[in-house]
């Protein structure tokens, strides 16, 4: 079970976007990376071919999991993620306020 899910609010801890926040749009579990729109933007030069318009496009690249930290929805602090067994299922908890992150 990954510590992050799509829709989680995260803060960037390393790199050129350090300190910025965003929502996880997509997770790549095989590479252990996440895509956050509007962050980690790079320029890609595309050559026009067969009806596609060429130019310089800005694309977001994925972050590795070690460069992001979860923002707890309850206490609004940057925190690490822990796990607890609630009955038969495993739930994520905030390490600072000890509340469940996924509670509905």
PDB file of N, CA and C in Angstrom:
ATOM      1  N   UNK A   1       0.850  -1.186   0.000  1.00  0.00           N
ATOM      2  CA  UNK A   1       0.000   0.000   0.000  1.00  0.00           C
ATOM      3  C   UNK A   1       0.890   1.242   0.000  1.00  0.00           C
ATOM      4  N   UNK A   2       0.650   2.143  -0.955  1.00  0.00           N
ATOM      5  CA  UNK A   2       1.416   3.381  -1.029  1.00  0.00           C
ATOM      6  C   UNK A   2       0.926   4.377   0.020  1.00  0.00           C
ATOM      7  N   UNK A   3       1.798   5.278   0.402  1.00  0.00           N
ATOM      8  CA  UNK A   3       1.445   6.275   1.403  1.00  0.00           C
ATOM      9  C   UNK A   3       0.708   7.452   0.809  1.00  0.00           C
ATOM     10  N   UNK A   4       0.678   7.565  -0.527  1.00  0.00           N
ATOM     11  CA  UNK A   4       0.010   8.671  -1.193  1.00  0.00           C
ATOM     12  C   UNK A   4      -1.099   8.147  -2.087  1.00  0.00           C
ATOM     13  N   UNK A   5      -2.145   8.965  -2.262  1.00  0.00           N
ATOM     14  CA  UNK A   5      -3.254   8.611  -3.143  1.00  0.00           C
ATOM     15  C   UNK A   5      -3.562   9.792  -4.048  1.00  0.00           C
ATOM     16  N   UNK A   6      -4.243   9.516  -5.149  1.00  0.00           N
ATOM     17  CA  UNK A   6      -4.658  10.573  -6.068  1.00  0.00           C
ATOM     18  C   UNK A   6      -5.592  11.525  -5.320  1.00  0.00           C
ATOM     19  N   UNK A   7      -5.336  12.826  -5.449  1.00  0.00           N
ATOM     20  CA  UNK A   7      -6.161  13.829  -4.777  1.00  0.00           C
ATOM     21  C   UNK A   7      -5.570  14.338  -3.475  1.00  0.00           C
ATOM     22  N   UNK A   8      -4.488  13.719  -2.997  1.00  0.00           N
ATOM     23  CA  UNK A   8      -3.833  14.182  -1.766  1.00  0.00           C
ATOM     24  C   UNK A   8      -3.159  15.530  -2.002  1.00  0.00           C
ATOM     25  N   UNK A   9      -3.217  16.390  -0.996  1.00  0.00           N
ATOM     26  CA  UNK A   9      -2.489  17.652  -1.030  1.00  0.00           C
ATOM     27  C   UNK A   9      -1.082  17.389  -0.532  1.00  0.00           C
ATOM     28  N   UNK A  10      -0.077  17.816  -1.294  1.00  0.00           N
ATOM     29  CA  UNK A  10       1.312  17.572  -0.910  1.00  0.00           C
ATOM     30  C   UNK A  10       2.136  18.850  -1.036  1.00  0.00           C
ATOM     31  N   UNK A  11       3.262  18.895  -0.321  1.00  0.00           N
ATOM     32  CA  UNK A  11       4.222  19.985  -0.436  1.00  0.00           C
ATOM     33  C   UNK A  11       5.531  19.402  -0.945  1.00  0.00           C
ATOM     34  N   UNK A  12       6.197  20.145  -1.824  1.00  0.00           N
ATOM     35  CA  UNK A  12       7.469  19.711  -2.394  1.00  0.00           C
ATOM     36  C   UNK A  12       8.575  20.063  -1.397  1.00  0.00           C
ATOM     37  N   UNK A  13       9.450  19.095  -1.092  1.00  0.00           N
ATOM     38  CA  UNK A  13      10.495  19.307  -0.092  1.00  0.00           C
ATOM     39  C   UNK A  13      11.882  19.497  -0.690  1.00  0.00           C
ATOM     40  N   UNK A  14      12.088  19.115  -1.950  1.00  0.00           N
ATOM     41  CA  UNK A  14      13.393  19.239  -2.598  1.00  0.00           C
ATOM     42  C   UNK A  14      13.238  19.720  -4.030  1.00  0.00           C
ATOM     43  N   UNK A  15      14.275  20.374  -4.540  1.00  0.00           N
ATOM     44  CA  UNK A  15      14.292  20.746  -5.951  1.00  0.00           C
ATOM     45  C   UNK A  15      13.901  22.185  -6.201  1.00  0.00           C
ATOM     46  N   UNK A  16      13.708  22.502  -7.467  1.00  0.00           N
ATOM     47  CA  UNK A  16      13.441  23.888  -7.861  1.00  0.00           C
ATOM     48  C   UNK A  16      12.060  24.372  -7.421  1.00  0.00           C
ATOM     49  N   UNK A  17      11.138  23.462  -7.138  1.00  0.00           N
ATOM     50  CA  UNK A  17       9.795  23.833  -6.686  1.00  0.00           C
ATOM     51  C   UNK A  17       9.621  23.683  -5.179  1.00  0.00           C
ATOM     52  N   UNK A  18      10.703  23.667  -4.430  1.00  0.00           N
ATOM     53  CA  UNK A  18      10.652  23.459  -2.983  1.00  0.00           C
ATOM     54  C   UNK A  18       9.729  24.483  -2.309  1.00  0.00           C
ATOM     55  N   UNK A  19       8.830  23.968  -1.452  1.00  0.00           N
ATOM     56  CA  UNK A  19       7.908  24.827  -0.724  1.00  0.00           C
ATOM     57  C   UNK A  19       6.559  25.013  -1.389  1.00  0.00           C
ATOM     58  N   UNK A  20       6.437  24.654  -2.659  1.00  0.00           N
ATOM     59  CA  UNK A  20       5.164  24.805  -3.356  1.00  0.00           C
ATOM     60  C   UNK A  20       4.251  23.619  -3.060  1.00  0.00           C
ATOM     61  N   UNK A  21       2.949  23.860  -3.201  1.00  0.00           N
ATOM     62  CA  UNK A  21       1.962  22.828  -2.893  1.00  0.00           C
ATOM     63  C   UNK A  21       1.114  22.504  -4.114  1.00  0.00           C
ATOM     64  N   UNK A  22       0.568  21.307  -4.117  1.00  0.00           N
ATOM     65  CA  UNK A  22      -0.304  20.898  -5.210  1.00  0.00           C
ATOM     66  C   UNK A  22      -1.024  19.602  -4.878  1.00  0.00           C
ATOM     67  N   UNK A  23      -1.940  19.213  -5.756  1.00  0.00           N
ATOM     68  CA  UNK A  23      -2.702  17.970  -5.605  1.00  0.00           C
ATOM     69  C   UNK A  23      -2.137  16.916  -6.548  1.00  0.00           C
ATOM     70  N   UNK A  24      -2.081  15.695  -6.068  1.00  0.00           N
ATOM     71  CA  UNK A  24      -1.592  14.590  -6.892  1.00  0.00           C
ATOM     72  C   UNK A  24      -2.641  14.269  -7.951  1.00  0.00           C
ATOM     73  N   UNK A  25      -2.207  14.273  -9.220  1.00  0.00           N
ATOM     74  CA  UNK A  25      -3.113  13.981 -10.330  1.00  0.00           C
ATOM     75  C   UNK A  25      -3.012  12.524 -10.765  1.00  0.00           C
ATOM     76  N   UNK A  26      -1.791  11.977 -10.736  1.00  0.00           N
ATOM     77  CA  UNK A  26      -1.568  10.613 -11.206  1.00  0.00           C
ATOM     78  C   UNK A  26      -0.393  10.005 -10.457  1.00  0.00           C
ATOM     79  N   UNK A  27      -0.463   8.699 -10.206  1.00  0.00           N
ATOM     80  CA  UNK A  27       0.612   7.977  -9.519  1.00  0.00           C
ATOM     81  C   UNK A  27       1.124   6.891 -10.455  1.00  0.00           C
ATOM     82  N   UNK A  28       2.456   6.778 -10.522  1.00  0.00           N
ATOM     83  CA  UNK A  28       3.096   5.718 -11.296  1.00  0.00           C
ATOM     84  C   UNK A  28       3.771   4.765 -10.299  1.00  0.00           C
ATOM     85  N   UNK A  29       3.061   3.717  -9.843  1.00  0.00           N
ATOM     86  CA  UNK A  29       3.599   2.851  -8.789  1.00  0.00           C
ATOM     87  C   UNK A  29       4.854   2.080  -9.193  1.00  0.00           C
ATOM     88  N   UNK A  30       4.989   1.775 -10.469  1.00  0.00           N
ATOM     89  CA  UNK A  30       6.163   1.025 -10.918  1.00  0.00           C
ATOM     90  C   UNK A  30       7.445   1.852 -10.766  1.00  0.00           C
ATOM     91  N   UNK A  31       7.347   3.167 -11.057  1.00  0.00           N
ATOM     92  CA  UNK A  31       8.505   4.058 -10.955  1.00  0.00           C
ATOM     93  C   UNK A  31       8.590   4.752  -9.606  1.00  0.00           C
ATOM     94  N   UNK A  32       7.545   4.612  -8.760  1.00  0.00           N
ATOM     95  CA  UNK A  32       7.439   5.322  -7.482  1.00  0.00           C
ATOM     96  C   UNK A  32       7.534   6.835  -7.685  1.00  0.00           C
ATOM     97  N   UNK A  33       6.731   7.335  -8.636  1.00  0.00           N
ATOM     98  CA  UNK A  33       6.675   8.767  -8.917  1.00  0.00           C
ATOM     99  C   UNK A  33       5.218   9.219  -8.957  1.00  0.00           C
ATOM    100  N   UNK A  34       5.025  10.543  -8.783  1.00  0.00           N
ATOM    101  CA  UNK A  34       3.690  11.131  -8.856  1.00  0.00           C
ATOM    102  C   UNK A  34       3.724  12.351  -9.755  1.00  0.00           C
ATOM    103  N   UNK A  35       2.603  12.613 -10.420  1.00  0.00           N
ATOM    104  CA  UNK A  35       2.483  13.766 -11.305  1.00  0.00           C
ATOM    105  C   UNK A  35       1.610  14.810 -10.626  1.00  0.00           C
ATOM    106  N   UNK A  36       2.157  16.023 -10.499  1.00  0.00           N
ATOM    107  CA  UNK A  36       1.432  17.138  -9.894  1.00  0.00           C
ATOM    108  C   UNK A  36       1.351  18.235 -10.945  1.00  0.00           C
ATOM    109  N   UNK A  37       0.140  18.583 -11.410  1.00  0.00           N
ATOM    110  CA  UNK A  37       0.028  19.570 -12.483  1.00  0.00           C
ATOM    111  C   UNK A  37       0.497  20.953 -12.039  1.00  0.00           C
ATOM    112  N   UNK A  38       1.205  21.638 -12.935  1.00  0.00           N
ATOM    113  CA  UNK A  38       1.683  22.988 -12.651  1.00  0.00           C
ATOM    114  C   UNK A  38       3.024  23.041 -11.952  1.00  0.00           C
ATOM    115  N   UNK A  39       3.562  21.888 -11.553  1.00  0.00           N
ATOM    116  CA  UNK A  39       4.857  21.838 -10.873  1.00  0.00           C
ATOM    117  C   UNK A  39       5.820  20.972 -11.671  1.00  0.00           C
ATOM    118  N   UNK A  40       7.125  21.236 -11.498  1.00  0.00           N
ATOM    119  CA  UNK A  40       8.182  20.502 -12.189  1.00  0.00           C
ATOM    120  C   UNK A  40       8.001  20.603 -13.703  1.00  0.00           C
ATOM    121  N   UNK A  41       7.794  21.825 -14.190  1.00  0.00           N
ATOM    122  CA  UNK A  41       7.523  22.092 -15.599  1.00  0.00           C
ATOM    123  C   UNK A  41       8.834  22.141 -16.387  1.00  0.00           C
ATOM    124  N   UNK A  42       8.865  21.426 -17.489  1.00  0.00           N
ATOM    125  CA  UNK A  42      10.002  21.438 -18.405  1.00  0.00           C
ATOM    126  C   UNK A  42       9.506  21.759 -19.802  1.00  0.00           C
ATOM    127  N   UNK A  43      10.412  22.277 -20.643  1.00  0.00           N
ATOM    128  CA  UNK A  43      10.054  22.609 -22.023  1.00  0.00           C
ATOM    129  C   UNK A  43      10.489  21.488 -22.949  1.00  0.00           C
ATOM    130  N   UNK A  44       9.618  21.173 -23.900  1.00  0.00           N
ATOM    131  CA  UNK A  44       9.884  20.102 -24.854  1.00  0.00           C
ATOM    132  C   UNK A  44       9.734  20.688 -26.256  1.00  0.00           C
ATOM    133  N   UNK A  45      10.755  20.509 -27.080  1.00  0.00           N
ATOM    134  CA  UNK A  45      10.735  20.988 -28.456  1.00  0.00           C
ATOM    135  C   UNK A  45      10.144  19.900 -29.337  1.00  0.00           C
ATOM    136  N   UNK A  46       9.023  20.215 -30.002  1.00  0.00           N
ATOM    137  CA  UNK A  46       8.317  19.253 -30.841  1.00  0.00           C
ATOM    138  C   UNK A  46       8.418  19.696 -32.299  1.00  0.00           C
ATOM    139  N   UNK A  47       8.802  18.781 -33.147  1.00  0.00           N
ATOM    140  CA  UNK A  47       8.894  19.061 -34.575  1.00  0.00           C
ATOM    141  C   UNK A  47       7.529  18.797 -35.212  1.00  0.00           C
ATOM    142  N   UNK A  48       7.060  19.696 -36.032  1.00  0.00           N
ATOM    143  CA  UNK A  48       5.766  19.525 -36.688  1.00  0.00           C
ATOM    144  C   UNK A  48       5.814  18.409 -37.715  1.00  0.00           C
ATOM    145  N   UNK A  49       4.860  17.506 -37.648  1.00  0.00           N
ATOM    146  CA  UNK A  49       4.817  16.389 -38.593  1.00  0.00           C
ATOM    147  C   UNK A  49       3.381  15.902 -38.730  1.00  0.00           C
ATOM    148  N   UNK A  50       2.984  15.598 -39.938  1.00  0.00           N
ATOM    149  CA  UNK A  50       1.686  15.003 -40.302  1.00  0.00           C
ATOM    150  C   UNK A  50       0.503  15.643 -39.557  1.00  0.00           C
ATOM    151  N   UNK A  51       0.353  16.940 -39.722  1.00  0.00           N
ATOM    152  CA  UNK A  51      -0.806  17.621 -39.149  1.00  0.00           C
ATOM    153  C   UNK A  51      -0.616  18.126 -37.726  1.00  0.00           C
ATOM    154  N   UNK A  52       0.402  17.658 -37.035  1.00  0.00           N
ATOM    155  CA  UNK A  52       0.650  18.122 -35.677  1.00  0.00           C
ATOM    156  C   UNK A  52       1.486  19.398 -35.742  1.00  0.00           C
ATOM    157  N   UNK A  53       1.094  20.391 -34.963  1.00  0.00           N
ATOM    158  CA  UNK A  53       1.791  21.663 -34.984  1.00  0.00           C
ATOM    159  C   UNK A  53       3.054  21.583 -34.129  1.00  0.00           C
ATOM    160  N   UNK A  54       4.156  22.052 -34.680  1.00  0.00           N
ATOM    161  CA  UNK A  54       5.408  22.045 -33.943  1.00  0.00           C
ATOM    162  C   UNK A  54       5.520  23.251 -33.035  1.00  0.00           C
ATOM    163  N   UNK A  55       6.506  23.231 -32.166  1.00  0.00           N
ATOM    164  CA  UNK A  55       6.728  24.352 -31.258  1.00  0.00           C
ATOM    165  C   UNK A  55       7.373  23.896 -29.967  1.00  0.00           C
ATOM    166  N   UNK A  56       7.410  24.807 -29.010  1.00  0.00           N
ATOM    167  CA  UNK A  56       7.975  24.508 -27.691  1.00  0.00           C
ATOM    168  C   UNK A  56       6.810  24.375 -26.727  1.00  0.00           C
ATOM    169  N   UNK A  57       6.657  23.199 -26.143  1.00  0.00           N
ATOM    170  CA  UNK A  57       5.556  22.923 -25.229  1.00  0.00           C
ATOM    171  C   UNK A  57       6.088  22.750 -23.807  1.00  0.00           C
ATOM    172  N   UNK A  58       5.307  23.215 -22.847  1.00  0.00           N
ATOM    173  CA  UNK A  58       5.656  23.023 -21.439  1.00  0.00           C
ATOM    174  C   UNK A  58       4.912  21.800 -20.930  1.00  0.00           C
ATOM    175  N   UNK A  59       5.661  20.855 -20.366  1.00  0.00           N
ATOM    176  CA  UNK A  59       5.048  19.637 -19.850  1.00  0.00           C
ATOM    177  C   UNK A  59       5.488  19.426 -18.410  1.00  0.00           C
ATOM    178  N   UNK A  60       4.589  18.913 -17.544  1.00  0.00           N
ATOM    179  CA  UNK A  60       4.995  18.587 -16.167  1.00  0.00           C
ATOM    180  C   UNK A  60       5.661  17.211 -16.137  1.00  0.00           C
ATOM    181  N   UNK A  61       6.733  17.102 -15.385  1.00  0.00           N
ATOM    182  CA  UNK A  61       7.392  15.809 -15.201  1.00  0.00           C
ATOM    183  C   UNK A  61       7.080  15.293 -13.799  1.00  0.00           C
ATOM    184  N   UNK A  62       7.110  13.988 -13.613  1.00  0.00           N
ATOM    185  CA  UNK A  62       6.758  13.434 -12.299  1.00  0.00           C
ATOM    186  C   UNK A  62       7.843  13.661 -11.241  1.00  0.00           C
ATOM    187  N   UNK A  63       7.404  13.713  -9.982  1.00  0.00           N
ATOM    188  CA  UNK A  63       8.282  13.798  -8.815  1.00  0.00           C
ATOM    189  C   UNK A  63       8.466  12.405  -8.236  1.00  0.00           C
ATOM    190  N   UNK A  64       9.639  12.137  -7.677  1.00  0.00           N
ATOM    191  CA  UNK A  64       9.809  10.886  -6.931  1.00  0.00           C
ATOM    192  C   UNK A  64       9.140  11.051  -5.570  1.00  0.00           C
ATOM    193  N   UNK A  65       8.755   9.953  -4.952  1.00  0.00           N
ATOM    194  CA  UNK A  65       8.034  10.008  -3.681  1.00  0.00           C
ATOM    195  C   UNK A  65       8.871  10.614  -2.554  1.00  0.00           C
ATOM    196  N   UNK A  66      10.195  10.531  -2.665  1.00  0.00           N
ATOM    197  CA  UNK A  66      11.055  11.089  -1.627  1.00  0.00           C
ATOM    198  C   UNK A  66      11.108  12.601  -1.616  1.00  0.00           C
ATOM    199  N   UNK A  67      10.597  13.243  -2.663  1.00  0.00           N
ATOM    200  CA  UNK A  67      10.646  14.700  -2.753  1.00  0.00           C
ATOM    201  C   UNK A  67       9.342  15.382  -2.358  1.00  0.00           C
ATOM    202  N   UNK A  68       8.358  14.608  -1.927  1.00  0.00           N
ATOM    203  CA  UNK A  68       7.084  15.206  -1.538  1.00  0.00           C
ATOM    204  C   UNK A  68       6.714  14.784  -0.125  1.00  0.00           C
ATOM    205  N   UNK A  69       5.901  15.616   0.535  1.00  0.00           N
ATOM    206  CA  UNK A  69       5.405  15.312   1.873  1.00  0.00           C
ATOM    207  C   UNK A  69       3.917  15.623   1.922  1.00  0.00           C
ATOM    208  N   UNK A  70       3.164  14.776   2.580  1.00  0.00           N
ATOM    209  CA  UNK A  70       1.714  14.919   2.663  1.00  0.00           C
ATOM    210  C   UNK A  70       1.336  16.062   3.598  1.00  0.00           C
ATOM    211  N   UNK A  71       0.285  16.808   3.243  1.00  0.00           N
ATOM    212  CA  UNK A  71      -0.296  17.812   4.126  1.00  0.00           C
ATOM    213  C   UNK A  71      -1.564  17.194   4.705  1.00  0.00           C
ATOM    214  N   UNK A  72      -1.606  17.079   6.030  1.00  0.00           N
ATOM    215  CA  UNK A  72      -2.745  16.443   6.706  1.00  0.00           C
ATOM    216  C   UNK A  72      -3.998  17.283   6.500  1.00  0.00           C
ATOM    217  N   UNK A  73      -5.112  16.671   6.068  1.00  0.00           N
ATOM    218  CA  UNK A  73      -6.343  17.442   5.872  1.00  0.00           C
ATOM    219  C   UNK A  73      -6.983  17.915   7.178  1.00  0.00           C
ATOM    220  N   UNK A  74      -6.620  17.289   8.295  1.00  0.00           N
ATOM    221  CA  UNK A  74      -7.219  17.662   9.589  1.00  0.00           C
ATOM    222  C   UNK A  74      -6.442  18.799  10.276  1.00  0.00           C
ATOM    223  N   UNK A  75      -5.113  18.625  10.436  1.00  0.00           N
ATOM    224  CA  UNK A  75      -4.322  19.626  11.162  1.00  0.00           C
ATOM    225  C   UNK A  75      -3.590  20.597  10.246  1.00  0.00           C
ATOM    226  N   UNK A  76      -3.662  20.385   8.932  1.00  0.00           N
ATOM    227  CA  UNK A  76      -3.060  21.263   7.914  1.00  0.00           C
ATOM    228  C   UNK A  76      -1.546  21.410   8.048  1.00  0.00           C
ATOM    229  N   UNK A  77      -0.877  20.408   8.625  1.00  0.00           N
ATOM    230  CA  UNK A  77       0.580  20.426   8.766  1.00  0.00           C
ATOM    231  C   UNK A  77       1.208  19.400   7.839  1.00  0.00           C
ATOM    232  N   UNK A  78       2.458  19.645   7.449  1.00  0.00           N
ATOM    233  CA  UNK A  78       3.212  18.670   6.670  1.00  0.00           C
ATOM    234  C   UNK A  78       3.565  17.528   7.608  1.00  0.00           C
ATOM    235  N   UNK A  79       3.268  16.324   7.198  1.00  0.00           N
ATOM    236  CA  UNK A  79       3.435  15.183   8.091  1.00  0.00           C
ATOM    237  C   UNK A  79       3.899  13.947   7.338  1.00  0.00           C
ATOM    238  N   UNK A  80       4.375  12.984   8.091  1.00  0.00           N
ATOM    239  CA  UNK A  80       4.637  11.669   7.537  1.00  0.00           C
ATOM    240  C   UNK A  80       3.370  10.842   7.677  1.00  0.00           C
ATOM    241  N   UNK A  81       3.309   9.754   6.942  1.00  0.00           N
ATOM    242  CA  UNK A  81       2.109   8.913   6.938  1.00  0.00           C
ATOM    243  C   UNK A  81       2.391   7.644   7.719  1.00  0.00           C
ATOM    244  N   UNK A  82       1.464   7.286   8.591  1.00  0.00           N
ATOM    245  CA  UNK A  82       1.556   6.035   9.315  1.00  0.00           C
ATOM    246  C   UNK A  82       0.362   5.168   8.954  1.00  0.00           C
ATOM    247  N   UNK A  83       0.368   3.953   9.441  1.00  0.00           N
ATOM    248  CA  UNK A  83      -0.735   3.037   9.172  1.00  0.00           C
ATOM    249  C   UNK A  83      -1.265   2.469  10.477  1.00  0.00           C
ATOM    250  N   UNK A  84      -2.566   2.176  10.506  1.00  0.00           N
ATOM    251  CA  UNK A  84      -3.209   1.572  11.673  1.00  0.00           C
ATOM    252  C   UNK A  84      -4.255   0.597  11.159  1.00  0.00           C
ATOM    253  N   UNK A  85      -4.462  -0.471  11.874  1.00  0.00           N
ATOM    254  CA  UNK A  85      -5.503  -1.422  11.507  1.00  0.00           C
ATOM    255  C   UNK A  85      -6.809  -0.989  12.156  1.00  0.00           C
ATOM    256  N   UNK A  86      -7.813  -0.705  11.349  1.00  0.00           N
ATOM    257  CA  UNK A  86      -9.147  -0.350  11.835  1.00  0.00           C
ATOM    258  C   UNK A  86     -10.071  -1.496  11.445  1.00  0.00           C
ATOM    259  N   UNK A  87     -10.272  -2.403  12.377  1.00  0.00           N
ATOM    260  CA  UNK A  87     -11.055  -3.599  12.072  1.00  0.00           C
ATOM    261  C   UNK A  87     -10.253  -4.504  11.170  1.00  0.00           C
ATOM    262  N   UNK A  88     -10.775  -4.765   9.981  1.00  0.00           N
ATOM    263  CA  UNK A  88     -10.107  -5.633   9.026  1.00  0.00           C
ATOM    264  C   UNK A  88      -9.293  -4.857   7.989  1.00  0.00           C
ATOM    265  N   UNK A  89      -9.461  -3.527   7.925  1.00  0.00           N
ATOM    266  CA  UNK A  89      -8.765  -2.765   6.897  1.00  0.00           C
ATOM    267  C   UNK A  89      -7.661  -1.897   7.481  1.00  0.00           C
ATOM    268  N   UNK A  90      -6.713  -1.603   6.629  1.00  0.00           N
ATOM    269  CA  UNK A  90      -5.549  -0.796   6.984  1.00  0.00           C
ATOM    270  C   UNK A  90      -5.835   0.646   6.565  1.00  0.00           C
ATOM    271  N   UNK A  91      -5.700   1.602   7.481  1.00  0.00           N
ATOM    272  CA  UNK A  91      -5.977   3.007   7.159  1.00  0.00           C
ATOM    273  C   UNK A  91      -4.732   3.854   7.392  1.00  0.00           C
ATOM    274  N   UNK A  92      -4.641   4.959   6.642  1.00  0.00           N
ATOM    275  CA  UNK A  92      -3.522   5.884   6.801  1.00  0.00           C
ATOM    276  C   UNK A  92      -3.824   6.851   7.941  1.00  0.00           C
ATOM    277  N   UNK A  93      -2.795   7.177   8.726  1.00  0.00           N
ATOM    278  CA  UNK A  93      -2.970   8.144   9.813  1.00  0.00           C
ATOM    279  C   UNK A  93      -1.887   9.217   9.719  1.00  0.00           C
ATOM    280  N   UNK A  94      -2.207  10.388  10.274  1.00  0.00           N
ATOM    281  CA  UNK A  94      -1.254  11.493  10.364  1.00  0.00           C
ATOM    282  C   UNK A  94      -0.352  11.217  11.556  1.00  0.00           C
ATOM    283  N   UNK A  95       0.958  11.362  11.386  1.00  0.00           N
ATOM    284  CA  UNK A  95       1.898  11.101  12.474  1.00  0.00           C
ATOM    285  C   UNK A  95       1.922  12.226  13.507  1.00  0.00           C
ATOM    286  N   UNK A  96       1.355  13.397  13.173  1.00  0.00           N
ATOM    287  CA  UNK A  96       1.372  14.521  14.111  1.00  0.00           C
ATOM    288  C   UNK A  96       0.119  14.565  14.975  1.00  0.00           C
ATOM    289  N   UNK A  97      -1.069  14.496  14.346  1.00  0.00           N
ATOM    290  CA  UNK A  97      -2.307  14.593  15.134  1.00  0.00           C
ATOM    291  C   UNK A  97      -2.951  13.237  15.411  1.00  0.00           C
ATOM    292  N   UNK A  98      -2.389  12.159  14.827  1.00  0.00           N
ATOM    293  CA  UNK A  98      -2.857  10.778  15.040  1.00  0.00           C
ATOM    294  C   UNK A  98      -4.284  10.519  14.564  1.00  0.00           C
ATOM    295  N   UNK A  99      -4.827  11.363  13.662  1.00  0.00           N
ATOM    296  CA  UNK A  99      -6.171  11.165  13.127  1.00  0.00           C
ATOM    297  C   UNK A  99      -6.086  10.441  11.798  1.00  0.00           C
ATOM    298  N   UNK A 100      -7.179   9.779  11.414  1.00  0.00           N
ATOM    299  CA  UNK A 100      -7.234   9.083  10.135  1.00  0.00           C
ATOM    300  C   UNK A 100      -7.290  10.082   8.991  1.00  0.00           C
ATOM    301  N   UNK A 101      -6.516   9.828   7.944  1.00  0.00           N
ATOM    302  CA  UNK A 101      -6.478  10.716   6.796  1.00  0.00           C
ATOM    303  C   UNK A 101      -7.635  10.419   5.848  1.00  0.00           C
ATOM    304  N   UNK A 102      -8.008   9.158   5.713  1.00  0.00           N
ATOM    305  CA  UNK A 102      -9.004   8.754   4.722  1.00  0.00           C
ATOM    306  C   UNK A 102     -10.427   8.697   5.262  1.00  0.00           C
ATOM    307  N   UNK A 103     -10.681   9.172   6.477  1.00  0.00           N
ATOM    308  CA  UNK A 103     -12.024   9.052   7.035  1.00  0.00           C
ATOM    309  C   UNK A 103     -13.013   9.877   6.219  1.00  0.00           C
ATOM    310  N   UNK A 104     -14.186   9.308   5.970  1.00  0.00           N
ATOM    311  CA  UNK A 104     -15.183   9.970   5.127  1.00  0.00           C
ATOM    312  C   UNK A 104     -16.133  10.791   5.936  1.00  0.00           C
TER     313      UNK A 104
END
